[in-house]
Amino acid sequence: MPTSCNLELLWEPTDYIGNNSPNGCPTSSAGKVISSITIFQNGIDSLDKIFGANDNLLFATPIEFRRVNSIPEPSFTLGILALGVWGTSKTISSKHKQKLILK
């Protein structure tokens, strides 16, 4: 089987699964990177295994992506309220400083 940096995704009963084993993608140091990926409804699992020229596993980098519940954007009203509180505190702070200077 030839070396390949491409992953072909195949549909399994509930997931897409792909890898480029056993030959993987060649590295500049005569080693190879074998990658695998599983894509499922709520996430993605990915694993890259880096092998040296002598086929010894040097390290592996697993990555997991998980779907999170969306974080609601602050409302326009909340933004105006925060701006008003900030402006009021700046005004009070400024007036307090002026009173301290006058004393």
PDB file of N, CA and C in Angstrom:
ATOM      1  N   MET A   1       0.846  -1.179   0.000  1.00  0.00           N
ATOM      2  CA  MET A   1       0.000   0.000   0.000  1.00  0.00           C
ATOM      3  C   MET A   1       0.895   1.247   0.000  1.00  0.00           C
ATOM      4  N   PRO A   2       0.624   2.223  -0.875  1.00  0.00           N
ATOM      5  CA  PRO A   2       1.461   3.425  -0.950  1.00  0.00           C
ATOM      6  C   PRO A   2       1.232   4.360   0.239  1.00  0.00           C
ATOM      7  N   THR A   3       2.229   5.238   0.491  1.00  0.00           N
ATOM      8  CA  THR A   3       2.063   6.223   1.554  1.00  0.00           C
ATOM      9  C   THR A   3       1.022   7.244   1.124  1.00  0.00           C
ATOM     10  N   SER A   4       0.313   7.784   2.120  1.00  0.00           N
ATOM     11  CA  SER A   4      -0.728   8.758   1.805  1.00  0.00           C
ATOM     12  C   SER A   4      -0.960   9.682   2.983  1.00  0.00           C
ATOM     13  N   CYS A   5      -1.062  10.974   2.695  1.00  0.00           N
ATOM     14  CA  CYS A   5      -1.414  11.954   3.718  1.00  0.00           C
ATOM     15  C   CYS A   5      -2.927  12.171   3.741  1.00  0.00           C
ATOM     16  N   ASN A   6      -3.640  11.541   2.837  1.00  0.00           N
ATOM     17  CA  ASN A   6      -5.094  11.685   2.763  1.00  0.00           C
ATOM     18  C   ASN A   6      -5.778  10.645   3.636  1.00  0.00           C
ATOM     19  N   LEU A   7      -6.908  11.028   4.183  1.00  0.00           N
ATOM     20  CA  LEU A   7      -7.738  10.098   4.942  1.00  0.00           C
ATOM     21  C   LEU A   7      -9.030   9.874   4.181  1.00  0.00           C
ATOM     22  N   GLU A   8      -9.368   8.644   3.953  1.00  0.00           N
ATOM     23  CA  GLU A   8     -10.644   8.331   3.324  1.00  0.00           C
ATOM     24  C   GLU A   8     -11.636   8.028   4.425  1.00  0.00           C
ATOM     25  N   LEU A   9     -12.742   8.774   4.462  1.00  0.00           N
ATOM     26  CA  LEU A   9     -13.768   8.572   5.478  1.00  0.00           C
ATOM     27  C   LEU A   9     -14.784   7.555   4.989  1.00  0.00           C
ATOM     28  N   LEU A  10     -15.074   6.588   5.842  1.00  0.00           N
ATOM     29  CA  LEU A  10     -16.064   5.571   5.529  1.00  0.00           C
ATOM     30  C   LEU A  10     -17.193   5.654   6.536  1.00  0.00           C
ATOM     31  N   TRP A  11     -18.418   5.462   6.064  1.00  0.00           N
ATOM     32  CA  TRP A  11     -19.570   5.516   6.945  1.00  0.00           C
ATOM     33  C   TRP A  11     -19.747   4.171   7.624  1.00  0.00           C
ATOM     34  N   GLU A  12     -19.732   4.178   8.941  1.00  0.00           N
ATOM     35  CA  GLU A  12     -20.064   3.012   9.752  1.00  0.00           C
ATOM     36  C   GLU A  12     -21.513   3.213  10.191  1.00  0.00           C
ATOM     37  N   PRO A  13     -22.091   2.319  10.932  1.00  0.00           N
ATOM     38  CA  PRO A  13     -23.510   2.474  11.293  1.00  0.00           C
ATOM     39  C   PRO A  13     -23.889   3.819  11.929  1.00  0.00           C
ATOM     40  N   THR A  14     -23.003   4.442  12.721  1.00  0.00           N
ATOM     41  CA  THR A  14     -23.370   5.708  13.359  1.00  0.00           C
ATOM     42  C   THR A  14     -22.300   6.785  13.209  1.00  0.00           C
ATOM     43  N   ASP A  15     -21.142   6.455  12.664  1.00  0.00           N
ATOM     44  CA  ASP A  15     -20.014   7.382  12.624  1.00  0.00           C
ATOM     45  C   ASP A  15     -19.303   7.328  11.273  1.00  0.00           C
ATOM     46  N   TYR A  16     -18.545   8.393  11.004  1.00  0.00           N
ATOM     47  CA  TYR A  16     -17.578   8.360   9.913  1.00  0.00           C
ATOM     48  C   TYR A  16     -16.225   8.020  10.521  1.00  0.00           C
ATOM     49  N   ILE A  17     -15.523   7.086   9.922  1.00  0.00           N
ATOM     50  CA  ILE A  17     -14.223   6.656  10.431  1.00  0.00           C
ATOM     51  C   ILE A  17     -13.232   6.686   9.284  1.00  0.00           C
ATOM     52  N   GLY A  18     -12.030   7.204   9.565  1.00  0.00           N
ATOM     53  CA  GLY A  18     -11.003   7.249   8.535  1.00  0.00           C
ATOM     54  C   GLY A  18      -9.622   7.112   9.128  1.00  0.00           C
ATOM     55  N   ASN A  19      -8.685   6.602   8.314  1.00  0.00           N
ATOM     56  CA  ASN A  19      -7.282   6.529   8.716  1.00  0.00           C
ATOM     57  C   ASN A  19      -6.412   6.355   7.476  1.00  0.00           C
ATOM     58  N   ASN A  20      -5.129   6.490   7.659  1.00  0.00           N
ATOM     59  CA  ASN A  20      -4.197   6.284   6.546  1.00  0.00           C
ATOM     60  C   ASN A  20      -3.154   5.233   6.919  1.00  0.00           C
ATOM     61  N   SER A  21      -3.554   4.277   7.747  1.00  0.00           N
ATOM     62  CA  SER A  21      -2.636   3.202   8.118  1.00  0.00           C
ATOM     63  C   SER A  21      -2.656   2.123   7.038  1.00  0.00           C
ATOM     64  N   PRO A  22      -1.657   1.333   6.910  1.00  0.00           N
ATOM     65  CA  PRO A  22      -0.508   1.208   7.790  1.00  0.00           C
ATOM     66  C   PRO A  22       0.690   2.093   7.400  1.00  0.00           C
ATOM     67  N   ASN A  23       0.677   2.659   6.196  1.00  0.00           N
ATOM     68  CA  ASN A  23       1.868   3.373   5.722  1.00  0.00           C
ATOM     69  C   ASN A  23       1.906   4.849   6.084  1.00  0.00           C
ATOM     70  N   GLY A  24       0.752   5.462   6.247  1.00  0.00           N
ATOM     71  CA  GLY A  24       0.691   6.849   6.675  1.00  0.00           C
ATOM     72  C   GLY A  24       1.315   7.852   5.734  1.00  0.00           C
ATOM     73  N   CYS A  25       1.666   8.994   6.308  1.00  0.00           N
ATOM     74  CA  CYS A  25       2.219  10.130   5.573  1.00  0.00           C
ATOM     75  C   CYS A  25       3.708  10.248   5.918  1.00  0.00           C
ATOM     76  N   PRO A  26       4.588  10.294   4.921  1.00  0.00           N
ATOM     77  CA  PRO A  26       6.034  10.349   5.211  1.00  0.00           C
ATOM     78  C   PRO A  26       6.445  11.673   5.844  1.00  0.00           C
ATOM     79  N   THR A  27       7.465  11.607   6.707  1.00  0.00           N
ATOM     80  CA  THR A  27       8.020  12.812   7.324  1.00  0.00           C
ATOM     81  C   THR A  27       9.383  13.110   6.695  1.00  0.00           C
ATOM     82  N   SER A  28       9.912  14.287   6.962  1.00  0.00           N
ATOM     83  CA  SER A  28      11.208  14.677   6.398  1.00  0.00           C
ATOM     84  C   SER A  28      12.362  13.896   7.026  1.00  0.00           C
ATOM     85  N   SER A  29      12.111  13.219   8.151  1.00  0.00           N
ATOM     86  CA  SER A  29      13.179  12.451   8.818  1.00  0.00           C
ATOM     87  C   SER A  29      13.050  10.952   8.545  1.00  0.00           C
ATOM     88  N   ALA A  30      12.417  10.593   7.453  1.00  0.00           N
ATOM     89  CA  ALA A  30      12.240   9.199   7.009  1.00  0.00           C
ATOM     90  C   ALA A  30      11.281   8.413   7.902  1.00  0.00           C
ATOM     91  N   GLY A  31      10.546   9.108   8.748  1.00  0.00           N
ATOM     92  CA  GLY A  31       9.529   8.458   9.556  1.00  0.00           C
ATOM     93  C   GLY A  31       8.178   8.564   8.873  1.00  0.00           C
ATOM     94  N   LYS A  32       7.129   8.455   9.672  1.00  0.00           N
ATOM     95  CA  LYS A  32       5.786   8.569   9.106  1.00  0.00           C
ATOM     96  C   LYS A  32       4.821   9.016  10.186  1.00  0.00           C
ATOM     97  N   VAL A  33       3.697   9.549   9.735  1.00  0.00           N
ATOM     98  CA  VAL A  33       2.597   9.936  10.616  1.00  0.00           C
ATOM     99  C   VAL A  33       1.376   9.138  10.184  1.00  0.00           C
ATOM    100  N   ILE A  34       0.847   8.384  11.117  1.00  0.00           N
ATOM    101  CA  ILE A  34      -0.384   7.646  10.847  1.00  0.00           C
ATOM    102  C   ILE A  34      -1.510   8.358  11.585  1.00  0.00           C
ATOM    103  N   SER A  35      -2.508   8.746  10.842  1.00  0.00           N
ATOM    104  CA  SER A  35      -3.626   9.516  11.396  1.00  0.00           C
ATOM    105  C   SER A  35      -4.906   8.700  11.350  1.00  0.00           C
ATOM    106  N   SER A  36      -5.731   8.911  12.380  1.00  0.00           N
ATOM    107  CA  SER A  36      -7.065   8.313  12.378  1.00  0.00           C
ATOM    108  C   SER A  36      -8.040   9.340  12.915  1.00  0.00           C
ATOM    109  N   ILE A  37      -9.284   9.219  12.464  1.00  0.00           N
ATOM    110  CA  ILE A  37     -10.307  10.169  12.880  1.00  0.00           C
ATOM    111  C   ILE A  37     -11.650   9.448  12.946  1.00  0.00           C
ATOM    112  N   THR A  38     -12.440   9.823  13.940  1.00  0.00           N
ATOM    113  CA  THR A  38     -13.814   9.341  14.057  1.00  0.00           C
ATOM    114  C   THR A  38     -14.700  10.564  14.244  1.00  0.00           C
ATOM    115  N   ILE A  39     -15.692  10.692  13.386  1.00  0.00           N
ATOM    116  CA  ILE A  39     -16.631  11.809  13.460  1.00  0.00           C
ATOM    117  C   ILE A  39     -17.988  11.233  13.835  1.00  0.00           C
ATOM    118  N   PHE A  40     -18.512  11.716  14.946  1.00  0.00           N
ATOM    119  CA  PHE A  40     -19.800  11.222  15.410  1.00  0.00           C
ATOM    120  C   PHE A  40     -20.702  12.401  15.725  1.00  0.00           C
ATOM    121  N   GLN A  41     -21.921  12.122  16.145  1.00  0.00           N
ATOM    122  CA  GLN A  41     -22.936  13.160  16.272  1.00  0.00           C
ATOM    123  C   GLN A  41     -22.510  14.323  17.157  1.00  0.00           C
ATOM    124  N   ASN A  42     -21.857  14.071  18.283  1.00  0.00           N
ATOM    125  CA  ASN A  42     -21.537  15.142  19.222  1.00  0.00           C
ATOM    126  C   ASN A  42     -20.065  15.493  19.294  1.00  0.00           C
ATOM    127  N   GLY A  43     -19.256  15.005  18.346  1.00  0.00           N
ATOM    128  CA  GLY A  43     -17.848  15.350  18.435  1.00  0.00           C
ATOM    129  C   GLY A  43     -16.981  14.677  17.398  1.00  0.00           C
ATOM    130  N   ILE A  44     -15.689  14.898  17.572  1.00  0.00           N
ATOM    131  CA  ILE A  44     -14.670  14.334  16.684  1.00  0.00           C
ATOM    132  C   ILE A  44     -13.526  13.867  17.561  1.00  0.00           C
ATOM    133  N   ASP A  45     -13.034  12.665  17.324  1.00  0.00           N
ATOM    134  CA  ASP A  45     -11.826  12.162  17.958  1.00  0.00           C
ATOM    135  C   ASP A  45     -10.778  11.988  16.870  1.00  0.00           C
ATOM    136  N   SER A  46      -9.597  12.516  17.124  1.00  0.00           N
ATOM    137  CA  SER A  46      -8.515  12.455  16.151  1.00  0.00           C
ATOM    138  C   SER A  46      -7.250  11.972  16.856  1.00  0.00           C
ATOM    139  N   LEU A  47      -6.440  11.194  16.163  1.00  0.00           N
ATOM    140  CA  LEU A  47      -5.180  10.716  16.725  1.00  0.00           C
ATOM    141  C   LEU A  47      -4.123  10.682  15.630  1.00  0.00           C
ATOM    142  N   ASP A  48      -3.011  11.372  15.880  1.00  0.00           N
ATOM    143  CA  ASP A  48      -1.850  11.309  14.995  1.00  0.00           C
ATOM    144  C   ASP A  48      -0.740  10.597  15.749  1.00  0.00           C
ATOM    145  N   LYS A  49      -0.211   9.528  15.155  1.00  0.00           N
ATOM    146  CA  LYS A  49       0.918   8.801  15.739  1.00  0.00           C
ATOM    147  C   LYS A  49       2.143   9.087  14.877  1.00  0.00           C
ATOM    148  N   ILE A  50       3.216   9.559  15.522  1.00  0.00           N
ATOM    149  CA  ILE A  50       4.435   9.902  14.798  1.00  0.00           C
ATOM    150  C   ILE A  50       5.472   8.818  15.073  1.00  0.00           C
ATOM    151  N   PHE A  51       5.965   8.219  13.985  1.00  0.00           N
ATOM    152  CA  PHE A  51       6.938   7.138  14.073  1.00  0.00           C
ATOM    153  C   PHE A  51       8.274   7.612  13.520  1.00  0.00           C
ATOM    154  N   GLY A  52       9.356   7.128  14.117  1.00  0.00           N
ATOM    155  CA  GLY A  52      10.701   7.424  13.627  1.00  0.00           C
ATOM    156  C   GLY A  52      11.047   6.542  12.436  1.00  0.00           C
ATOM    157  N   ALA A  53      12.242   6.750  11.887  1.00  0.00           N
ATOM    158  CA  ALA A  53      12.687   5.989  10.719  1.00  0.00           C
ATOM    159  C   ALA A  53      12.751   4.492  11.005  1.00  0.00           C
ATOM    160  N   ASN A  54      12.971   4.112  12.265  1.00  0.00           N
ATOM    161  CA  ASN A  54      13.048   2.695  12.631  1.00  0.00           C
ATOM    162  C   ASN A  54      11.688   2.117  13.017  1.00  0.00           C
ATOM    163  N   ASP A  55      10.622   2.830  12.734  1.00  0.00           N
ATOM    164  CA  ASP A  55       9.238   2.420  13.009  1.00  0.00           C
ATOM    165  C   ASP A  55       8.882   2.402  14.495  1.00  0.00           C
ATOM    166  N   ASN A  56       9.698   3.020  15.347  1.00  0.00           N
ATOM    167  CA  ASN A  56       9.339   3.149  16.757  1.00  0.00           C
ATOM    168  C   ASN A  56       8.403   4.341  16.929  1.00  0.00           C
ATOM    169  N   LEU A  57       7.376   4.146  17.738  1.00  0.00           N
ATOM    170  CA  LEU A  57       6.443   5.228  18.027  1.00  0.00           C
ATOM    171  C   LEU A  57       7.150   6.282  18.866  1.00  0.00           C
ATOM    172  N   LEU A  58       7.231   7.525  18.367  1.00  0.00           N
ATOM    173  CA  LEU A  58       7.887   8.609  19.086  1.00  0.00           C
ATOM    174  C   LEU A  58       6.899   9.305  20.020  1.00  0.00           C
ATOM    175  N   PHE A  59       5.742   9.653  19.501  1.00  0.00           N
ATOM    176  CA  PHE A  59       4.683  10.216  20.335  1.00  0.00           C
ATOM    177  C   PHE A  59       3.377  10.186  19.567  1.00  0.00           C
ATOM    178  N   ALA A  60       2.297  10.412  20.328  1.00  0.00           N
ATOM    179  CA  ALA A  60       0.956  10.423  19.739  1.00  0.00           C
ATOM    180  C   ALA A  60       0.230  11.653  20.255  1.00  0.00           C
ATOM    181  N   THR A  61      -0.570  12.248  19.410  1.00  0.00           N
ATOM    182  CA  THR A  61      -1.303  13.461  19.791  1.00  0.00           C
ATOM    183  C   THR A  61      -2.801  13.259  19.597  1.00  0.00           C
ATOM    184  N   PRO A  62      -3.486  12.840  20.665  1.00  0.00           N
ATOM    185  CA  PRO A  62      -4.948  12.715  20.562  1.00  0.00           C
ATOM    186  C   PRO A  62      -5.606  14.080  20.722  1.00  0.00           C
ATOM    187  N   ILE A  63      -6.638  14.317  19.955  1.00  0.00           N
ATOM    188  CA  ILE A  63      -7.407  15.552  20.057  1.00  0.00           C
ATOM    189  C   ILE A  63      -8.882  15.174  20.071  1.00  0.00           C
ATOM    190  N   GLU A  64      -9.615  15.754  21.016  1.00  0.00           N
ATOM    191  CA  GLU A  64     -11.051  15.517  21.104  1.00  0.00           C
ATOM    192  C   GLU A  64     -11.786  16.836  20.964  1.00  0.00           C
ATOM    193  N   PHE A  65     -12.738  16.876  20.076  1.00  0.00           N
ATOM    194  CA  PHE A  65     -13.624  18.025  19.923  1.00  0.00           C
ATOM    195  C   PHE A  65     -15.004  17.586  20.377  1.00  0.00           C
ATOM    196  N   ARG A  66     -15.621  18.360  21.260  1.00  0.00           N
ATOM    197  CA  ARG A  66     -16.958  18.035  21.741  1.00  0.00           C
ATOM    198  C   ARG A  66     -17.880  19.216  21.525  1.00  0.00           C
ATOM    199  N   ARG A  67     -19.106  18.908  21.158  1.00  0.00           N
ATOM    200  CA  ARG A  67     -20.129  19.940  20.990  1.00  0.00           C
ATOM    201  C   ARG A  67     -20.476  20.487  22.364  1.00  0.00           C
ATOM    202  N   VAL A  68     -20.582  21.789  22.454  1.00  0.00           N
ATOM    203  CA  VAL A  68     -20.998  22.411  23.711  1.00  0.00           C
ATOM    204  C   VAL A  68     -22.306  23.141  23.462  1.00  0.00           C
ATOM    205  N   ASN A  69     -23.062  23.298  24.525  1.00  0.00           N
ATOM    206  CA  ASN A  69     -24.288  24.074  24.400  1.00  0.00           C
ATOM    207  C   ASN A  69     -23.908  25.499  24.054  1.00  0.00           C
ATOM    208  N   SER A  70     -24.674  26.115  23.214  1.00  0.00           N
ATOM    209  CA  SER A  70     -24.340  27.474  22.807  1.00  0.00           C
ATOM    210  C   SER A  70     -24.442  28.419  23.988  1.00  0.00           C
ATOM    211  N   ILE A  71     -23.567  29.378  24.008  1.00  0.00           N
ATOM    212  CA  ILE A  71     -23.565  30.395  25.045  1.00  0.00           C
ATOM    213  C   ILE A  71     -24.335  31.579  24.495  1.00  0.00           C
ATOM    214  N   PRO A  72     -25.417  31.969  25.159  1.00  0.00           N
ATOM    215  CA  PRO A  72     -26.222  33.063  24.611  1.00  0.00           C
ATOM    216  C   PRO A  72     -25.448  34.372  24.626  1.00  0.00           C
ATOM    217  N   GLU A  73     -25.634  35.137  23.608  1.00  0.00           N
ATOM    218  CA  GLU A  73     -25.016  36.459  23.520  1.00  0.00           C
ATOM    219  C   GLU A  73     -25.725  37.395  24.491  1.00  0.00           C
ATOM    220  N   PRO A  74     -24.989  38.308  25.096  1.00  0.00           N
ATOM    221  CA  PRO A  74     -25.649  39.274  25.967  1.00  0.00           C
ATOM    222  C   PRO A  74     -26.659  40.090  25.168  1.00  0.00           C
ATOM    223  N   SER A  75     -27.746  40.426  25.815  1.00  0.00           N
ATOM    224  CA  SER A  75     -28.775  41.186  25.117  1.00  0.00           C
ATOM    225  C   SER A  75     -28.363  42.650  24.990  1.00  0.00           C
ATOM    226  N   PHE A  76     -29.010  43.341  24.098  1.00  0.00           N
ATOM    227  CA  PHE A  76     -28.764  44.762  23.891  1.00  0.00           C
ATOM    228  C   PHE A  76     -29.084  45.536  25.171  1.00  0.00           C
ATOM    229  N   THR A  77     -30.174  45.143  25.823  1.00  0.00           N
ATOM    230  CA  THR A  77     -30.584  45.815  27.067  1.00  0.00           C
ATOM    231  C   THR A  77     -29.521  45.646  28.142  1.00  0.00           C
ATOM    232  N   LEU A  78     -28.979  44.448  28.275  1.00  0.00           N
ATOM    233  CA  LEU A  78     -27.936  44.199  29.258  1.00  0.00           C
ATOM    234  C   LEU A  78     -26.693  45.040  28.952  1.00  0.00           C
ATOM    235  N   GLY A  79     -26.367  45.190  27.696  1.00  0.00           N
ATOM    236  CA  GLY A  79     -25.228  46.022  27.293  1.00  0.00           C
ATOM    237  C   GLY A  79     -25.436  47.479  27.661  1.00  0.00           C
ATOM    238  N   ILE A  80     -26.632  48.003  27.402  1.00  0.00           N
ATOM    239  CA  ILE A  80     -26.945  49.400  27.750  1.00  0.00           C
ATOM    240  C   ILE A  80     -26.889  49.582  29.264  1.00  0.00           C
ATOM    241  N   LEU A  81     -27.423  48.613  30.015  1.00  0.00           N
ATOM    242  CA  LEU A  81     -27.399  48.676  31.469  1.00  0.00           C
ATOM    243  C   LEU A  81     -25.965  48.684  31.997  1.00  0.00           C
ATOM    244  N   ALA A  82     -25.120  47.819  31.462  1.00  0.00           N
ATOM    245  CA  ALA A  82     -23.720  47.768  31.887  1.00  0.00           C
ATOM    246  C   ALA A  82     -23.018  49.073  31.568  1.00  0.00           C
ATOM    247  N   LEU A  83     -23.268  49.638  30.400  1.00  0.00           N
ATOM    248  CA  LEU A  83     -22.677  50.917  30.018  1.00  0.00           C
ATOM    249  C   LEU A  83     -23.128  52.023  30.964  1.00  0.00           C
ATOM    250  N   GLY A  84     -24.400  52.017  31.350  1.00  0.00           N
ATOM    251  CA  GLY A  84     -24.927  53.016  32.276  1.00  0.00           C
ATOM    252  C   GLY A  84     -24.290  52.909  33.648  1.00  0.00           C
ATOM    253  N   VAL A  85     -24.141  51.674  34.152  1.00  0.00           N
ATOM    254  CA  VAL A  85     -23.504  51.473  35.460  1.00  0.00           C
ATOM    255  C   VAL A  85     -22.055  51.927  35.410  1.00  0.00           C
ATOM    256  N   TRP A  86     -21.350  51.585  34.354  1.00  0.00           N
ATOM    257  CA  TRP A  86     -19.948  51.982  34.204  1.00  0.00           C
ATOM    258  C   TRP A  86     -19.826  53.513  34.154  1.00  0.00           C
ATOM    259  N   GLY A  87     -20.683  54.157  33.370  1.00  0.00           N
ATOM    260  CA  GLY A  87     -20.637  55.613  33.245  1.00  0.00           C
ATOM    261  C   GLY A  87     -20.951  56.297  34.566  1.00  0.00           C
ATOM    262  N   THR A  88     -21.938  55.770  35.291  1.00  0.00           N
ATOM    263  CA  THR A  88     -22.294  56.338  36.587  1.00  0.00           C
ATOM    264  C   THR A  88     -21.143  56.205  37.571  1.00  0.00           C
ATOM    265  N   SER A  89     -20.502  55.048  37.603  1.00  0.00           N
ATOM    266  CA  SER A  89     -19.384  54.858  38.536  1.00  0.00           C
ATOM    267  C   SER A  89     -18.224  55.777  38.192  1.00  0.00           C
ATOM    268  N   LYS A  90     -17.979  56.011  36.905  1.00  0.00           N
ATOM    269  CA  LYS A  90     -16.911  56.930  36.490  1.00  0.00           C
ATOM    270  C   LYS A  90     -17.236  58.355  36.938  1.00  0.00           C
ATOM    271  N   THR A  91     -18.505  58.765  36.816  1.00  0.00           N
ATOM    272  CA  THR A  91     -18.916  60.120  37.207  1.00  0.00           C
ATOM    273  C   THR A  91     -18.782  60.301  38.713  1.00  0.00           C
ATOM    274  N   ILE A  92     -19.261  59.328  39.485  1.00  0.00           N
ATOM    275  CA  ILE A  92     -19.164  59.402  40.949  1.00  0.00           C
ATOM    276  C   ILE A  92     -17.699  59.430  41.368  1.00  0.00           C
ATOM    277  N   SER A  93     -16.882  58.585  40.761  1.00  0.00           N
ATOM    278  CA  SER A  93     -15.459  58.553  41.087  1.00  0.00           C
ATOM    279  C   SER A  93     -14.794  59.882  40.782  1.00  0.00           C
ATOM    280  N   SER A  94     -15.147  60.490  39.665  1.00  0.00           N
ATOM    281  CA  SER A  94     -14.576  61.778  39.261  1.00  0.00           C
ATOM    282  C   SER A  94     -14.973  62.874  40.238  1.00  0.00           C
ATOM    283  N   LYS A  95     -16.246  62.910  40.642  1.00  0.00           N
ATOM    284  CA  LYS A  95     -16.710  63.922  41.588  1.00  0.00           C
ATOM    285  C   LYS A  95     -16.065  63.725  42.950  1.00  0.00           C
ATOM    286  N   HIS A  96     -15.871  62.482  43.360  1.00  0.00           N
ATOM    287  CA  HIS A  96     -15.228  62.189  44.642  1.00  0.00           C
ATOM    288  C   HIS A  96     -13.781  62.681  44.631  1.00  0.00           C
ATOM    289  N   LYS A  97     -13.081  62.487  43.524  1.00  0.00           N
ATOM    290  CA  LYS A  97     -11.699  62.963  43.399  1.00  0.00           C
ATOM    291  C   LYS A  97     -11.646  64.482  43.470  1.00  0.00           C
ATOM    292  N   GLN A  98     -12.613  65.151  42.832  1.00  0.00           N
ATOM    293  CA  GLN A  98     -12.637  66.617  42.855  1.00  0.00           C
ATOM    294  C   GLN A  98     -12.838  67.124  44.281  1.00  0.00           C
ATOM    295  N   LYS A  99     -13.699  66.488  45.068  1.00  0.00           N
ATOM    296  CA  LYS A  99     -13.935  66.897  46.446  1.00  0.00           C
ATOM    297  C   LYS A  99     -12.677  66.724  47.279  1.00  0.00           C
ATOM    298  N   LEU A 100     -11.936  65.645  47.036  1.00  0.00           N
ATOM    299  CA  LEU A 100     -10.702  65.409  47.783  1.00  0.00           C
ATOM    300  C   LEU A 100      -9.656  66.465  47.465  1.00  0.00           C
ATOM    301  N   ILE A 101      -9.596  66.884  46.222  1.00  0.00           N
ATOM    302  CA  ILE A 101      -8.619  67.895  45.796  1.00  0.00           C
ATOM    303  C   ILE A 101      -8.976  69.248  46.405  1.00  0.00           C
ATOM    304  N   LEU A 102     -10.264  69.588  46.496  1.00  0.00           N
ATOM    305  CA  LEU A 102     -10.693  70.884  47.023  1.00  0.00           C
ATOM    306  C   LEU A 102     -10.461  70.992  48.525  1.00  0.00           C
ATOM    307  N   LYS A 103     -10.444  69.922  49.246  1.00  0.00           N
ATOM    308  CA  LYS A 103     -10.280  69.971  50.695  1.00  0.00           C
ATOM    309  C   LYS A 103      -8.903  70.292  51.078  1.00  0.00           C
TER     310      LYS A 103
END
